[in-house]
Amino acid sequence: MERCPVCNARYSGKQNCHRCKADIGKLADIEDAADVYQKKALEAYYAADYPLMLDHARRACSLRKTPDGIWLMACAAMLTRHFDLAMRLYDTLSSVSLNRHPADSR
């Protein structure tokens, strides 16, 4: 999280926003959990455990939808032969003009 969702102030990494005092610690915890699941999905990919990869990618996307997370879940869906899910995810990326590979953001 880069900004407070309430007042748009820069996020300082604290439990409460420095400007509006909104409790945003739980949101940061959710984003951290999504990052953990996304890393676990990548680890499962490298271990060639594609069903586990799909499970972790789904959990990551359920917590926070990002283009990289959706891309990862689409790849996991393809690898587990869930082609209908992969196509829906691809359409989601295409419809919001986010159709790019995560490596393209470097």
C-alpha atoms as a PDB file:
ATOM      1  CA  MET A   1       0.000   0.000   0.000  1.00  0.00           C
ATOM      2  CA  GLU A   2       1.441   3.308  -1.026  1.00  0.00           C
ATOM      3  CA  ARG A   3      -1.319   5.626   0.130  1.00  0.00           C
ATOM      4  CA  CYS A   4      -4.017   5.752   2.772  1.00  0.00           C
ATOM      5  CA  PRO A   5      -7.304   4.632   1.189  1.00  0.00           C
ATOM      6  CA  VAL A   6      -9.199   7.175   3.308  1.00  0.00           C
ATOM      7  CA  CYS A   7      -7.323  10.442   2.783  1.00  0.00           C
ATOM      8  CA  ASN A   8      -4.715   9.525   0.138  1.00  0.00           C
ATOM      9  CA  ALA A   9      -1.770  10.482   2.359  1.00  0.00           C
ATOM     10  CA  ARG A  10       1.498   8.616   1.830  1.00  0.00           C
ATOM     11  CA  TYR A  11       1.552   5.367   3.802  1.00  0.00           C
ATOM     12  CA  SER A  12       4.209   5.559   6.501  1.00  0.00           C
ATOM     13  CA  GLY A  13       4.146   1.902   7.527  1.00  0.00           C
ATOM     14  CA  LYS A  14       2.340   2.523  10.796  1.00  0.00           C
ATOM     15  CA  GLN A  15      -0.930   1.121  12.156  1.00  0.00           C
ATOM     16  CA  ASN A  16      -2.725   4.461  11.828  1.00  0.00           C
ATOM     17  CA  CYS A  17      -2.548   7.049   9.070  1.00  0.00           C
ATOM     18  CA  HIS A  18      -0.449  10.015  10.148  1.00  0.00           C
ATOM     19  CA  ARG A  19      -2.926  12.476   8.599  1.00  0.00           C
ATOM     20  CA  CYS A  20      -6.456  11.155   9.238  1.00  0.00           C
ATOM     21  CA  LYS A  21      -5.639   8.592  11.961  1.00  0.00           C
ATOM     22  CA  ALA A  22      -7.575   5.835  10.140  1.00  0.00           C
ATOM     23  CA  ASP A  23      -6.664   2.311  11.248  1.00  0.00           C
ATOM     24  CA  ILE A  24      -5.010   0.871   8.135  1.00  0.00           C
ATOM     25  CA  GLY A  25      -2.874  -1.785   9.774  1.00  0.00           C
ATOM     26  CA  LYS A  26      -5.267  -4.592   8.844  1.00  0.00           C
ATOM     27  CA  LEU A  27      -5.141  -3.572   5.180  1.00  0.00           C
ATOM     28  CA  ALA A  28      -1.355  -3.735   5.278  1.00  0.00           C
ATOM     29  CA  ASP A  29      -1.572  -7.187   6.886  1.00  0.00           C
ATOM     30  CA  ILE A  30      -3.850  -8.370   4.057  1.00  0.00           C
ATOM     31  CA  GLU A  31      -1.423  -7.070   1.436  1.00  0.00           C
ATOM     32  CA  ASP A  32       1.469  -8.800   3.216  1.00  0.00           C
ATOM     33  CA  ALA A  33      -0.476 -12.088   3.269  1.00  0.00           C
ATOM     34  CA  ALA A  34      -1.191 -11.730  -0.461  1.00  0.00           C
ATOM     35  CA  ASP A  35       2.534 -11.268  -1.089  1.00  0.00           C
ATOM     36  CA  VAL A  36       3.306 -14.408   0.926  1.00  0.00           C
ATOM     37  CA  TYR A  37       0.822 -16.469  -1.092  1.00  0.00           C
ATOM     38  CA  GLN A  38       2.183 -15.088  -4.345  1.00  0.00           C
ATOM     39  CA  LYS A  39       5.710 -16.116  -3.320  1.00  0.00           C
ATOM     40  CA  LYS A  40       4.425 -19.554  -2.324  1.00  0.00           C
ATOM     41  CA  ALA A  41       2.814 -19.880  -5.758  1.00  0.00           C
ATOM     42  CA  LEU A  42       6.146 -19.137  -7.403  1.00  0.00           C
ATOM     43  CA  GLU A  43       7.889 -21.663  -5.151  1.00  0.00           C
ATOM     44  CA  ALA A  44       5.301 -24.263  -6.129  1.00  0.00           C
ATOM     45  CA  TYR A  45       5.951 -23.461  -9.775  1.00  0.00           C
ATOM     46  CA  TYR A  46       9.683 -24.053  -9.369  1.00  0.00           C
ATOM     47  CA  ALA A  47       8.883 -27.321  -7.565  1.00  0.00           C
ATOM     48  CA  ALA A  48       6.585 -28.298 -10.481  1.00  0.00           C
ATOM     49  CA  ASP A  49       3.635 -28.621  -8.081  1.00  0.00           C
ATOM     50  CA  TYR A  50       1.117 -26.885 -10.319  1.00  0.00           C
ATOM     51  CA  PRO A  51      -2.068 -27.680  -8.338  1.00  0.00           C
ATOM     52  CA  LEU A  52      -0.457 -26.117  -5.265  1.00  0.00           C
ATOM     53  CA  MET A  53       0.645 -23.188  -7.413  1.00  0.00           C
ATOM     54  CA  LEU A  54      -2.953 -22.622  -8.487  1.00  0.00           C
ATOM     55  CA  ASP A  55      -4.184 -22.837  -4.898  1.00  0.00           C
ATOM     56  CA  HIS A  56      -1.687 -20.258  -3.667  1.00  0.00           C
ATOM     57  CA  ALA A  57      -2.282 -17.977  -6.652  1.00  0.00           C
ATOM     58  CA  ARG A  58      -6.035 -18.092  -5.988  1.00  0.00           C
ATOM     59  CA  ARG A  59      -5.488 -17.167  -2.358  1.00  0.00           C
ATOM     60  CA  ALA A  60      -3.216 -14.287  -3.335  1.00  0.00           C
ATOM     61  CA  CYS A  61      -5.792 -12.942  -5.802  1.00  0.00           C
ATOM     62  CA  SER A  62      -8.607 -13.329  -3.309  1.00  0.00           C
ATOM     63  CA  LEU A  63      -6.731 -11.049  -0.937  1.00  0.00           C
ATOM     64  CA  ARG A  64      -5.461  -8.534  -3.497  1.00  0.00           C
ATOM     65  CA  LYS A  65      -5.988  -8.510  -7.243  1.00  0.00           C
ATOM     66  CA  THR A  66      -2.984  -7.234  -9.152  1.00  0.00           C
ATOM     67  CA  PRO A  67      -2.058  -7.729 -12.799  1.00  0.00           C
ATOM     68  CA  ASP A  68       0.925  -9.851 -11.726  1.00  0.00           C
ATOM     69  CA  GLY A  69      -1.250 -11.977  -9.463  1.00  0.00           C
ATOM     70  CA  ILE A  70      -3.863 -12.517 -12.153  1.00  0.00           C
ATOM     71  CA  TRP A  71      -1.140 -13.394 -14.648  1.00  0.00           C
ATOM     72  CA  LEU A  72       0.338 -15.915 -12.201  1.00  0.00           C
ATOM     73  CA  MET A  73      -3.060 -17.482 -11.599  1.00  0.00           C
ATOM     74  CA  ALA A  74      -3.714 -17.703 -15.347  1.00  0.00           C
ATOM     75  CA  CYS A  75      -0.387 -19.488 -15.833  1.00  0.00           C
ATOM     76  CA  ALA A  76      -1.213 -21.888 -13.011  1.00  0.00           C
ATOM     77  CA  ALA A  77      -4.622 -22.534 -14.544  1.00  0.00           C
ATOM     78  CA  MET A  78      -3.008 -23.375 -17.889  1.00  0.00           C
ATOM     79  CA  LEU A  79      -0.497 -25.706 -16.242  1.00  0.00           C
ATOM     80  CA  THR A  80      -3.288 -27.548 -14.430  1.00  0.00           C
ATOM     81  CA  ARG A  81      -5.368 -27.750 -17.610  1.00  0.00           C
ATOM     82  CA  HIS A  82      -8.112 -25.423 -16.339  1.00  0.00           C
ATOM     83  CA  PHE A  83      -8.316 -23.710 -19.697  1.00  0.00           C
ATOM     84  CA  ASP A  84     -11.693 -22.058 -19.080  1.00  0.00           C
ATOM     85  CA  LEU A  85     -10.341 -20.324 -15.973  1.00  0.00           C
ATOM     86  CA  ALA A  86      -7.159 -19.324 -17.800  1.00  0.00           C
ATOM     87  CA  MET A  87      -9.175 -17.739 -20.611  1.00  0.00           C
ATOM     88  CA  ARG A  88     -11.422 -15.843 -18.179  1.00  0.00           C
ATOM     89  CA  LEU A  89      -8.348 -14.481 -16.428  1.00  0.00           C
ATOM     90  CA  TYR A  90      -6.751 -13.551 -19.742  1.00  0.00           C
ATOM     91  CA  ASP A  91      -9.954 -11.742 -20.739  1.00  0.00           C
ATOM     92  CA  THR A  92      -9.881  -9.901 -17.408  1.00  0.00           C
ATOM     93  CA  LEU A  93      -6.366  -8.707 -18.114  1.00  0.00           C
ATOM     94  CA  SER A  94      -7.213  -7.758 -21.685  1.00  0.00           C
ATOM     95  CA  SER A  95     -10.381  -5.879 -20.774  1.00  0.00           C
ATOM     96  CA  VAL A  96      -8.555  -3.517 -18.453  1.00  0.00           C
ATOM     97  CA  SER A  97      -5.569  -3.055 -20.775  1.00  0.00           C
ATOM     98  CA  LEU A  98      -3.221  -4.793 -18.368  1.00  0.00           C
ATOM     99  CA  ASN A  99      -2.257  -7.568 -20.743  1.00  0.00           C
ATOM    100  CA  ARG A 100       1.438  -7.731 -20.016  1.00  0.00           C
ATOM    101  CA  HIS A 101       3.881 -10.160 -18.584  1.00  0.00           C
ATOM    102  CA  PRO A 102       5.201  -9.367 -15.046  1.00  0.00           C
ATOM    103  CA  ALA A 103       8.773  -9.257 -16.399  1.00  0.00           C
ATOM    104  CA  ASP A 104       7.798  -6.342 -18.670  1.00  0.00           C
ATOM    105  CA  SER A 105       7.509  -4.027 -15.650  1.00  0.00           C
ATOM    106  CA  ARG A 106      11.266  -3.999 -14.981  1.00  0.00           C
END
